[in-house]
Every structure is written in C-alpha cells, then in structure tokens.
Protein backbone atom coordinates (compact mmCIF):
# COMPACT_ATOMS: atom_id res chain seq x y z
CA UNK A 1 38.49 -11.04 -25.39
CA UNK A 2 39.74 -10.49 -21.86
CA UNK A 3 38.29 -7.46 -20.09
CA UNK A 4 40.01 -6.02 -17.03
CA UNK A 5 38.77 -3.33 -14.69
CA UNK A 6 40.61 -0.89 -12.47
CA UNK A 7 38.46 0.34 -9.57
CA UNK A 8 39.73 3.60 -8.08
CA UNK A 9 39.32 3.21 -4.31
CA UNK A 10 42.34 4.83 -2.68
CA UNK A 11 40.85 8.12 -1.49
CA UNK A 12 39.78 9.06 2.00
CA UNK A 13 36.57 10.89 1.16
CA UNK A 14 37.11 13.90 3.40
CA UNK A 15 33.59 15.25 2.95
CA UNK A 16 32.10 12.06 4.38
CA UNK A 17 33.43 13.21 7.78
CA UNK A 18 34.18 9.60 8.64
CA UNK A 19 36.98 7.55 10.13
CA UNK A 20 36.27 4.92 7.46
CA UNK A 21 37.22 4.97 3.75
CA UNK A 22 34.46 6.42 1.60
CA UNK A 23 34.05 3.37 -0.63
CA UNK A 24 33.06 1.04 2.22
CA UNK A 25 30.04 3.10 3.24
CA UNK A 26 26.87 1.15 2.45
CA UNK A 27 23.99 1.61 0.07
CA UNK A 28 21.16 -0.66 1.16
CA UNK A 29 22.87 -3.92 2.05
CA UNK A 30 26.46 -3.57 0.94
CA UNK A 31 29.40 -1.17 0.58
CA UNK A 32 29.35 1.05 -2.49
CA UNK A 33 32.53 -0.51 -3.90
CA UNK A 34 30.85 -3.93 -3.80
CA UNK A 35 28.01 -2.61 -5.97
CA UNK A 36 30.65 -1.45 -8.47
CA UNK A 37 32.42 -4.82 -8.44
CA UNK A 38 29.15 -6.75 -8.70
CA UNK A 39 28.09 -4.75 -11.75
CA UNK A 40 31.46 -5.27 -13.40
CA UNK A 41 31.16 -9.03 -12.89
CA UNK A 42 27.63 -9.05 -14.30
CA UNK A 43 29.10 -7.37 -17.39
CA UNK A 44 31.56 -10.28 -17.74
CA UNK A 45 34.66 -8.41 -16.59
CA UNK A 46 37.06 -11.22 -15.77
CA UNK A 47 39.85 -9.47 -13.87
CA UNK A 48 39.24 -6.68 -11.35
CA UNK A 49 41.99 -4.70 -9.64
CA UNK A 50 41.11 -2.32 -6.82
CA UNK A 51 43.55 0.54 -6.27
CA UNK A 52 43.64 1.01 -2.49
CA UNK A 53 45.38 3.58 -0.37
CA UNK A 54 43.72 5.23 2.63
CA UNK A 55 43.06 2.52 5.24
CA UNK A 56 43.73 -0.08 2.57
CA UNK A 57 43.26 -3.02 4.92
CA UNK A 58 39.68 -1.98 5.70
CA UNK A 59 38.87 -1.84 1.99
CA UNK A 60 40.51 -5.23 1.41
CA UNK A 61 38.55 -6.71 4.30
CA UNK A 62 35.33 -5.65 2.57
CA UNK A 63 36.30 -6.66 -0.96
CA UNK A 64 38.14 -9.85 0.07
CA UNK A 65 38.73 -12.29 -2.81
CA UNK A 66 36.48 -10.39 -5.24
CA UNK A 67 39.42 -8.35 -6.53
CA UNK A 68 43.17 -8.11 -6.87
CA UNK A 69 44.86 -5.09 -5.28
CA UNK A 70 47.37 -2.40 -6.11
CA UNK A 71 48.58 0.10 -3.52
CA UNK A 72 48.59 3.85 -4.11
CA UNK A 73 50.39 4.86 -0.97
CA UNK A 74 50.39 8.52 -1.99
CA UNK A 75 47.23 9.75 -3.70
CA UNK A 76 48.77 11.68 -6.57
CA UNK A 77 45.80 11.68 -8.92
CA UNK A 78 43.79 9.33 -11.11
CA UNK A 79 46.62 8.96 -13.62
CA UNK A 80 48.98 7.95 -10.84
CA UNK A 81 46.42 5.32 -9.73
CA UNK A 82 46.73 3.70 -13.18
CA UNK A 83 50.53 3.82 -12.94
CA UNK A 84 50.53 1.70 -9.77
CA UNK A 85 48.63 -1.03 -11.65
CA UNK A 86 51.14 -1.12 -14.49
CA UNK A 87 53.06 -4.19 -13.34
CA UNK A 88 49.86 -6.21 -13.12
CA UNK A 89 48.44 -5.35 -16.55
CA UNK A 90 51.05 -3.89 -18.89
CA UNK A 91 51.80 -7.14 -20.74
CA UNK A 92 48.18 -8.20 -21.24
CA UNK A 93 46.06 -7.99 -24.36
CA UNK A 94 42.41 -6.98 -24.27
CA UNK A 95 40.48 -4.10 -22.74
CA UNK A 96 40.63 -2.25 -19.44
CA UNK A 97 37.75 -0.37 -17.83
CA UNK A 98 38.58 2.40 -15.38
CA UNK A 99 35.77 3.18 -12.95
CA UNK A 100 35.50 4.99 -9.62
CA UNK A 101 34.66 3.01 -6.50
CA UNK A 102 32.23 5.72 -5.42
CA UNK A 103 29.90 5.35 -8.45
CA UNK A 104 27.68 2.42 -7.37
CA UNK A 105 24.74 3.39 -9.58
CA UNK A 106 26.53 2.65 -12.88
CA UNK A 107 24.69 -0.48 -13.91
CA UNK A 108 25.95 -3.65 -15.54
CA UNK A 109 23.81 -2.76 -18.58
CA UNK A 110 25.64 0.55 -18.93
CA UNK A 111 29.02 -1.17 -18.63
CA UNK A 112 27.97 -3.65 -21.31
CA UNK A 113 26.81 -0.80 -23.56
CA UNK A 114 30.16 0.96 -23.07
CA UNK A 115 32.06 -2.21 -24.06
CA UNK A 116 29.84 -2.77 -27.09
CA UNK A 117 30.22 0.85 -28.25
CA UNK A 118 34.00 0.65 -27.86
CA UNK A 119 34.27 -2.55 -29.90
CA UNK A 120 31.75 -1.55 -32.56
CA UNK A 121 33.53 1.73 -33.30
CA UNK A 122 36.99 0.17 -33.02
CA UNK A 123 38.13 2.82 -30.57
CA UNK A 124 41.40 2.99 -28.70
CA UNK A 125 39.55 4.63 -25.82
CA UNK A 126 35.91 5.35 -25.06
CA UNK A 127 34.67 7.74 -22.41
CA UNK A 128 31.30 7.28 -20.73
CA UNK A 129 29.76 10.73 -21.13
CA UNK A 130 26.54 12.54 -20.30
CA UNK A 131 24.76 15.54 -21.72
CA UNK A 132 23.23 18.35 -19.65
CA UNK A 133 22.15 21.87 -20.59
CA UNK A 134 24.22 22.96 -17.60
CA UNK A 135 26.97 20.40 -17.04
CA UNK A 136 27.85 22.01 -13.71
CA UNK A 137 31.46 21.49 -12.68
CA UNK A 138 32.10 18.34 -14.69
CA UNK A 139 34.98 18.20 -17.14
CA UNK A 140 33.85 19.03 -20.70
CA UNK A 141 34.29 16.75 -23.72
CA UNK A 142 36.03 18.55 -26.59
CA UNK A 143 35.45 17.05 -30.06
CA UNK A 144 37.06 17.84 -33.41
CA UNK A 145 35.32 18.51 -36.73
CA UNK A 146 35.03 14.73 -37.31
CA UNK A 147 33.33 14.25 -33.94
CA UNK A 148 36.35 12.49 -32.43
CA UNK A 149 37.18 13.36 -28.83
CA UNK A 150 40.43 15.26 -28.70
CA UNK A 151 40.62 16.25 -25.03
CA UNK A 152 38.82 16.67 -21.74
CA UNK A 153 38.99 20.11 -20.16
CA UNK A 154 38.38 20.29 -16.44
CA UNK A 155 35.86 22.89 -15.33
CA UNK A 156 38.42 24.89 -13.39
CA UNK A 157 40.51 25.21 -16.55
CA UNK A 158 37.61 25.99 -18.88
CA UNK A 159 36.87 29.38 -20.39
CA UNK A 160 33.33 30.65 -20.89
CA UNK A 161 33.05 29.09 -24.35
CA UNK A 162 34.07 25.63 -23.14
CA UNK A 163 31.69 25.90 -20.19
CA UNK A 164 28.82 26.14 -22.69
CA UNK A 165 29.58 22.60 -23.94
CA UNK A 166 26.86 20.23 -22.78
CA UNK A 167 28.71 16.90 -23.02
CA UNK A 168 30.65 16.03 -19.88
CA UNK A 169 32.97 13.34 -18.53
CA UNK A 170 31.47 10.88 -16.03
CA UNK A 171 34.86 9.51 -14.97
CA UNK A 172 34.38 6.02 -16.42
CA UNK A 173 36.51 4.86 -19.37
CA UNK A 174 37.44 1.84 -21.43
CA UNK A 175 40.86 1.52 -23.08
CA UNK A 176 42.80 -0.84 -25.26
CA UNK A 177 45.01 -2.19 -22.49
CA UNK A 178 48.30 -2.12 -24.39
CA UNK A 179 47.75 1.44 -25.57
CA UNK A 180 46.83 2.61 -22.08
CA UNK A 181 50.04 1.34 -20.53
CA UNK A 182 52.21 2.37 -23.47
CA UNK A 183 51.12 5.98 -22.93
CA UNK A 184 50.42 6.26 -19.20
CA UNK A 185 53.95 7.33 -18.34
CA UNK A 186 53.65 10.32 -20.68
CA UNK A 187 51.41 12.01 -18.13
CA UNK A 188 52.97 14.81 -16.12
CA UNK A 189 51.97 16.61 -12.95
CA UNK A 190 52.60 20.14 -14.16
CA UNK A 191 49.51 21.63 -12.54
CA UNK A 192 48.45 23.43 -9.39
CA UNK A 193 47.77 20.18 -7.53
CA UNK A 194 50.95 18.45 -8.70
CA UNK A 195 48.84 15.43 -9.61
CA UNK A 196 48.71 13.09 -12.61
CA UNK A 197 45.29 13.30 -14.24
CA UNK A 198 43.96 10.39 -16.27
CA UNK A 199 41.91 12.87 -18.30
CA UNK A 200 45.17 14.16 -19.83
CA UNK A 201 45.76 10.83 -21.57
CA UNK A 202 42.88 11.60 -23.95
CA UNK A 203 44.80 14.51 -25.51
CA UNK A 204 47.94 12.36 -25.70
CA UNK A 205 46.01 9.64 -27.53
CA UNK A 206 44.51 12.16 -29.94
CA UNK A 207 47.95 13.60 -30.67
CA UNK A 208 49.07 10.04 -31.46
CA UNK A 209 46.21 9.77 -33.98
CA UNK A 210 44.39 7.18 -31.92
CA UNK A 211 40.60 7.06 -32.06
CA UNK A 212 38.81 8.27 -28.93
CA UNK A 213 35.03 8.49 -28.68
CA UNK A 214 32.33 9.16 -26.13
CA UNK A 215 29.47 6.78 -25.31
CA UNK A 216 26.59 8.98 -24.15
CA UNK A 217 24.66 7.73 -21.13
CA UNK A 218 20.95 8.51 -21.07
CA UNK A 219 20.22 7.79 -17.41
CA UNK A 220 22.33 10.49 -15.79
CA UNK A 221 21.41 9.39 -12.26
CA UNK A 222 23.87 6.55 -12.79
CA UNK A 223 26.76 9.02 -13.00
CA UNK A 224 26.40 10.23 -9.41
CA UNK A 225 29.67 10.07 -7.51
CA UNK A 226 29.22 9.90 -3.74
CA UNK A 227 31.27 12.44 -1.81
CA UNK A 228 29.18 13.19 1.29
CA UNK A 229 26.41 11.75 3.44
CA UNK A 230 23.65 13.69 1.70
CA UNK A 231 24.63 12.28 -1.69
CA UNK A 232 24.93 8.82 -0.13
CA UNK A 233 21.32 9.03 1.06
CA UNK A 234 20.20 10.38 -2.33
CA UNK A 235 21.97 7.59 -4.21
CA UNK A 236 20.46 4.98 -1.90
CA UNK A 237 16.98 6.38 -2.60
CA UNK A 238 17.61 6.08 -6.34
CA UNK A 239 18.83 2.49 -5.98
CA UNK A 240 15.88 1.63 -3.71
CA UNK A 241 13.37 2.99 -6.26
CA UNK A 242 14.98 1.18 -9.20
CA UNK A 243 15.04 -2.17 -7.40
CA UNK A 244 11.44 -1.81 -6.20
CA UNK A 245 10.22 -0.66 -9.62
CA UNK A 246 11.83 -3.65 -11.31
CA UNK A 247 10.27 -6.08 -8.84
CA UNK A 248 6.82 -4.54 -9.23
CA UNK A 249 7.17 -4.73 -13.02
CA UNK A 250 7.78 -8.47 -12.58
CA UNK A 251 4.64 -9.15 -10.55
CA UNK A 252 5.60 -8.37 -6.94
CA UNK A 253 3.24 -6.16 -4.92
CA UNK A 254 5.05 -3.62 -2.74
CA UNK A 255 2.47 -1.86 -0.59
CA UNK A 256 4.66 1.09 0.45
CA UNK A 257 7.78 1.35 -1.75
CA UNK A 258 9.10 4.35 0.19
CA UNK A 259 9.50 2.30 3.37
CA UNK A 260 10.59 -0.94 1.69
CA UNK A 261 14.33 -1.60 1.37
CA UNK A 262 15.37 -4.50 -0.86
CA UNK A 263 18.99 -5.32 -1.66
CA UNK A 264 20.36 -5.73 -5.15
CA UNK A 265 20.88 -9.50 -4.76
CA UNK A 266 17.33 -10.29 -3.61
CA UNK A 267 14.94 -12.23 -5.85
CA UNK A 268 11.16 -12.38 -5.29
CA UNK A 269 8.56 -14.51 -7.06
CA UNK A 270 5.32 -13.33 -8.66
CA UNK A 271 2.25 -12.54 -6.56
CA UNK A 272 4.23 -12.13 -3.37
CA UNK A 273 3.14 -9.14 -1.28
CA UNK A 274 5.70 -7.01 0.57
CA UNK A 275 4.18 -4.81 3.27
CA UNK A 276 5.52 -1.59 4.76
CA UNK A 277 8.83 -1.22 6.60
CA UNK A 278 10.27 -4.46 5.29
CA UNK A 279 14.04 -4.91 4.81
CA UNK A 280 15.32 -7.72 2.57
CA UNK A 281 19.10 -8.02 2.16
CA UNK A 282 21.89 -10.29 0.99
CA UNK A 283 21.45 -13.22 -1.41
CA UNK A 284 17.86 -13.70 -0.27
CA UNK A 285 15.31 -15.56 -2.38
CA UNK A 286 11.57 -15.35 -1.75
CA UNK A 287 9.14 -17.54 -3.65
CA UNK A 288 5.68 -16.95 -5.06
CA UNK A 289 2.45 -16.09 -3.20
CA UNK A 290 4.22 -15.12 0.02
CA UNK A 291 3.23 -12.36 2.43
CA UNK A 292 6.22 -10.58 3.96
CA UNK A 293 5.86 -7.81 6.53
CA UNK A 294 5.06 -5.38 7.84
CA UNK A 295 8.09 -4.61 10.01
CA UNK A 296 10.11 -7.61 8.92
CA UNK A 297 13.82 -8.14 8.22
CA UNK A 298 15.10 -11.08 6.17
CA UNK A 299 18.83 -11.45 5.47
CA UNK A 300 20.73 -14.15 3.54
CA UNK A 301 17.77 -16.51 3.55
CA UNK A 302 15.64 -18.69 1.28
CA UNK A 303 11.86 -18.51 1.57
CA UNK A 304 9.80 -20.89 -0.57
CA UNK A 305 6.18 -20.48 -1.70
CA UNK A 306 2.98 -19.52 0.17
CA UNK A 307 4.82 -18.49 3.33
CA UNK A 308 3.80 -15.65 5.65
CA UNK A 309 6.32 -13.78 7.80
CA UNK A 310 5.09 -10.77 9.78
CA UNK A 311 6.81 -8.52 12.34
CA UNK A 312 9.78 -10.91 12.45
CA UNK A 313 13.51 -11.33 11.79
CA UNK A 314 14.98 -14.17 9.72
CA UNK A 315 18.76 -14.41 9.20
CA UNK A 316 20.81 -17.04 7.38
CA UNK A 317 17.97 -19.56 7.28
CA UNK A 318 15.76 -21.61 4.95
CA UNK A 319 11.97 -21.45 5.25
CA UNK A 320 10.02 -23.89 3.10
CA UNK A 321 6.41 -23.94 1.84
CA UNK A 322 3.19 -22.91 3.58
CA UNK A 323 4.93 -21.72 6.74
CA UNK A 324 3.50 -19.08 9.09
CA UNK A 325 5.99 -17.07 11.14
CA UNK A 326 5.30 -14.29 13.61
CA UNK A 327 4.47 -11.86 14.84
CA UNK A 328 7.69 -11.09 16.72
CA UNK A 329 9.59 -14.27 15.92
CA UNK A 330 13.34 -14.50 15.34
CA UNK A 331 15.18 -17.18 13.36
CA UNK A 332 18.97 -17.11 13.03
CA UNK A 333 22.14 -19.09 12.34
CA UNK A 334 21.05 -21.55 9.68
CA UNK A 335 17.64 -22.69 10.79
CA UNK A 336 15.74 -24.97 8.40
CA UNK A 337 11.96 -24.81 8.69
CA UNK A 338 10.09 -27.54 6.82
CA UNK A 339 6.66 -27.31 5.16
CA UNK A 340 3.40 -26.39 6.93
CA UNK A 341 5.02 -25.16 10.14
CA UNK A 342 3.61 -22.56 12.54
CA UNK A 343 6.06 -20.42 14.50
CA UNK A 344 4.21 -17.83 16.51
CA UNK A 345 4.53 -14.92 18.91
CA UNK A 346 7.88 -14.25 20.58
CA UNK A 347 9.50 -17.50 19.48
CA UNK A 348 13.25 -17.65 18.83
CA UNK A 349 15.04 -20.41 16.94
CA UNK A 350 18.80 -20.66 16.61
CA UNK A 351 20.54 -23.29 14.47
CA UNK A 352 17.45 -25.48 14.52
CA UNK A 353 15.80 -27.88 12.06
CA UNK A 354 12.02 -27.87 12.57
CA UNK A 355 10.04 -30.68 10.94
CA UNK A 356 6.90 -30.70 8.83
CA UNK A 357 3.63 -29.61 10.47
CA UNK A 358 5.38 -28.91 13.77
CA UNK A 359 4.26 -25.98 15.91
CA UNK A 360 5.80 -23.55 18.36
CA UNK A 361 3.02 -21.08 18.86
CA UNK A 362 4.41 -18.69 21.44
CA UNK A 363 7.09 -17.69 23.93
CA UNK A 364 9.62 -20.46 23.30
CA UNK A 365 13.31 -20.83 22.52
CA UNK A 366 14.91 -23.68 20.59
CA UNK A 367 18.66 -23.62 20.08
CA UNK A 368 20.93 -26.25 18.45
CA UNK A 369 17.96 -28.54 17.98
CA UNK A 370 16.69 -31.13 15.51
CA UNK A 371 12.92 -31.40 15.71
CA UNK A 372 10.89 -34.01 13.84
CA UNK A 373 7.49 -33.87 12.17
CA UNK A 374 4.19 -33.15 13.94
CA UNK A 375 5.84 -31.93 17.14
CA UNK A 376 4.15 -29.48 19.50
CA UNK A 377 6.32 -27.13 21.53
CA UNK A 378 4.25 -25.71 24.37
CA UNK A 379 4.23 -22.09 25.47
CA UNK A 380 7.31 -21.07 27.45
CA UNK A 381 9.31 -24.22 26.68
CA UNK A 382 13.03 -24.00 25.93
CA UNK A 383 16.01 -26.12 25.03
CA UNK A 384 18.74 -25.43 27.54
CA UNK A 385 21.64 -25.68 25.10
CA UNK A 386 24.48 -23.83 26.86
CA UNK A 387 26.33 -25.09 29.93
CA UNK A 388 28.53 -22.04 30.32
CA UNK A 389 31.33 -23.46 28.19
CA UNK A 390 29.83 -25.23 25.18
CA UNK A 391 26.60 -25.58 23.20
CA UNK A 392 24.81 -28.94 23.15
CA UNK A 393 22.19 -30.49 20.89
CA UNK A 394 18.58 -31.45 21.57
CA UNK A 395 16.90 -34.09 19.38
CA UNK A 396 13.11 -34.30 19.40
CA UNK A 397 11.66 -37.07 17.24
CA UNK A 398 8.28 -37.21 15.45
CA UNK A 399 4.92 -36.70 17.20
CA UNK A 400 6.39 -35.51 20.49
CA UNK A 401 4.21 -33.28 22.69
CA UNK A 402 6.17 -30.83 24.86
CA UNK A 403 3.96 -29.26 27.51
CA UNK A 404 4.14 -25.62 28.56
CA UNK A 405 7.08 -24.25 30.56
CA UNK A 406 9.31 -27.28 30.02
CA UNK A 407 13.11 -27.16 30.10
CA UNK A 408 14.94 -29.67 27.92
CA UNK A 409 18.51 -29.71 29.20
CA UNK A 410 20.88 -30.66 26.39
CA UNK A 411 22.43 -32.91 25.32
CA UNK A 412 19.20 -34.84 25.30
CA UNK A 413 16.98 -36.96 23.05
CA UNK A 414 13.19 -37.16 23.19
CA UNK A 415 12.09 -40.19 21.21
CA UNK A 416 9.00 -40.47 19.01
CA UNK A 417 5.49 -40.14 20.48
CA UNK A 418 6.75 -39.13 23.92
CA UNK A 419 4.92 -36.60 26.08
CA UNK A 420 6.62 -34.03 28.30
CA UNK A 421 4.32 -32.89 31.07
CA UNK A 422 3.90 -29.15 31.59
CA UNK A 423 6.44 -27.61 33.92
CA UNK A 424 8.92 -30.47 33.57
CA UNK A 425 12.69 -30.08 33.58
CA UNK A 426 14.04 -32.96 31.50
CA UNK A 427 17.61 -34.02 32.26
CA UNK A 428 17.66 -37.55 30.81
CA UNK A 429 16.67 -39.04 27.47
CA UNK A 430 12.97 -39.83 27.15
CA UNK A 431 12.04 -43.15 25.48
CA UNK A 432 9.31 -43.37 22.87
CA UNK A 433 5.64 -43.65 23.89
CA UNK A 434 6.49 -42.51 27.44
CA UNK A 435 5.45 -39.63 29.70
CA UNK A 436 8.15 -37.56 31.41
CA UNK A 437 7.19 -35.63 34.54
CA UNK A 438 9.73 -33.73 36.58
CA UNK A 439 8.15 -31.29 39.00
CA UNK A 440 7.26 -30.94 42.71
CA UNK A 441 4.01 -32.68 43.62
CA UNK A 442 1.23 -30.22 44.36
CA UNK A 443 -0.10 -30.09 47.92
CA UNK A 444 -3.30 -28.46 49.18
CA UNK A 445 -3.46 -26.91 52.68
CA UNK A 446 -7.05 -26.18 53.49
CA UNK A 447 -8.10 -23.00 55.33
CA UNK A 448 -4.60 -21.60 54.95
CA UNK A 449 -5.70 -18.18 53.74
CA UNK A 450 -7.83 -17.56 56.83
CA UNK A 451 -4.74 -17.94 59.02
CA UNK A 452 -2.45 -15.90 56.76
CA UNK A 453 -3.76 -12.37 57.09
CA UNK A 454 -1.85 -9.17 57.79
CA UNK A 455 -2.19 -7.85 61.34
CA UNK A 456 -4.61 -5.03 61.86
CA UNK A 457 -2.98 -1.67 62.37
C-alpha cells in the first residue's frame, strides 16, 4: 500500500525571532524538517510533500530532492495547507500522514506504530494522541460512548469540563487518502482567525459515520513542537540523550554524554571510546576499538577499526585501520588515510591520499597529494599546491624521505626511495634512489661575533 506524507512547513515561526524559516533551524547536525523527513522515510513512506510558504526557496534549498513541494502562499491554517496539496494527491489510493515540520522528535518507530494501528483497526483516520493529567493548552480528544473519536476541541474553545479531559491531540494524523480529499473542501473558516483548521475534519468524518480513532503515544517527549529557541535547545538535549543512550546500550563508551554531540546518522562500533567534547555529524561511520576525542569533530567521514583521533578535525574523509591522528590535526576534502599511519601535531591534509605506514608527525601541510607507502614527511614540510590561479598535484612514491622544512612545488613527482634534504625547495621531479638538495651552501666566518658588537654608550 502506498503511503504519502504531507509535511507542514509553511509558517514563519515568529517566536524564533529569526530571519530564517523555523523548520530549517538545526538540531544537532541537520535542520528539524530533515529529521522529520528522515523518520518518515525510515517508516517506509514513499511519497513526501512539503507544504512551503514563508521563504519557500530557503526551505527547498535545505530539503532539495528529498520531497515534492506545494505552495501555501497565504498561511490560512492547517486545513488550508492540505487543500494546496489536493492536485498532487486527490486521485491516489492509499494512506496519507500529516505531520508538522517542527516536530523532529517523532520517531520512525512511532510513525510505524501509527500506521499499524490505523490498518489494524481499519480506521478512516487515526490521530496520534497523548495523555497527561494536565494536558495544558493542547486540543482535547472527544470520544463517544463506543470510544470512537468524534471531534477535537481546541483549548481556547473548551469549557471547564472538556479541559479536564486528559487525552490530547499531538498534531500528527493518518488518513485514508481518498476520504481526506473528498472531505477537505467541507472545511470552513468561520472562526476568529478566519482560518481552515484540519482538526475540524474529524467532526466531519464522524458525522459521515467514518471510523476515527486515537493512537496513544507513550513517550510524550516526542510530541514537542518547536516554537522558540528555548524549546529548540530542550529538544536537542532530548535527541542528544536518546542517541547517546542507544549507542551506549550497543557497546560504545561515552565518557561524558552531556558534552558529546552525535548526529542521528552516525554509526559507531562496539568497544569504541568517545571522550568529552566530541562532535560527530553527518553520515559518519566509526568502527570498533577506536578512541575518539577529547575535543574532536568528525563530519561525513568513515573511520575503520583501532584508530585514535584526539583534539582534531576530520571532514569528508576516510581513515582506515590502526591510524593515529592528532593532537591538533585537520583533514578535509576527501582525504584517504591508509592503514598504520601516524599524523601528528598541527598537521593539515587537504584532498590527499596517504599510504600505509607513512608518517607526518608534526607541523606539515599536504594538499592535492598522492603519497605512497612508508613515506616520511619531515617537520615543517609542505606541498606548494596553489599558484594563485589553480591547484596542482604532488605525487610522492613509496619509501621517500622528505626532510624538515622542505617545499615541494607542484606539479611535481618524487619517485620511489628518493631523499629530500632538509630545507630544500623542490621545483623539478626527483628520480628514484636520488638525493635532492636545494639550499644555499653554509659558510662559516670565524671571529665574526667579536667584530659585531653594539657601540658602548
């Protein structure tokens, strides 16, 4: 059965006090709407439509090809948001989920449970509900004597008796798609706000003798809708704790969970240790028996087994087995680091392949380079890859020794088993088995210091 989803993402989010649409503000590593879309996809929702309005192009730039779009140029309520999707969905069979783009904590498991409940009970509509002794200002779920939902009463319209009802509307629904669009145009905007409320369709369905039910959610933290910066920070803390707890339950040691921020797409193998103030984001994969941190950021990267990375940044790169990186190293732009490598203090690599057992222990820069196996990069050595207009490649073959403070001016090739003398600026290719020296010959002037003294005052 085809399952669609409508993500409500047209609002400005006035209480965020931001020039950006609310739904593109980030939790951990990605915008809140992308958490919603990711969880829908994990729940096997095949067709997602985002209803955009305020600064629609910014939202589309974030969501990109992950969703179709419908434009709500005037924000006239949640019911109106469904109306603008009508042309895209009205002729389709199957189910349609309606979910808010500012509810990133609703998990894929909850969405799956909502779908299963809807199908099992053969409902025309199912509301994701919660139960609280004091349901605050949420809309209340009104049931009939047979426990069917007959309407949702908004808090502002509720009398004291209705306010005592503990079951409330979370704002997430699933509908039979044909029924939803057959009835959506029966909504009216005869209210103080002159808006079309999706909640009103529940009473219309009940009056048409269609079965509506509520699926009660146990983890009420998932229902949080983000309207301001304080709630954004609170929701991020909840997400952070859930991700860290799940990893620790699966054999990962997190030394200080409160200062460890791990994105929802990160995977980590058993017996890896994550130290304090570590940030892991994007589709990052870390293997087993690694030591990561403290004070380390890894983004969009693959780290294999038994690797140590401390006080360092790794972006968009692949680090293989038994590698030691840091402290204070930086790898970026698709570096590939082979097995048994040592990259030490204040070393930066950019777009570089670094071969097995090679070493760059300190204070070096390699950019746009291909480095072979068993190569030594001496302290202070760099590849000079930029001529002011274009980047150029350096190739260093196996078993090359690069002495300290050497400049390798690209494009250049250092062949296998060559030696670069310390302090050399290399401007031409170096053949294998050779020594390259390019520096001023040292001279000694005896007794010079006795003649070079400041005059007495």
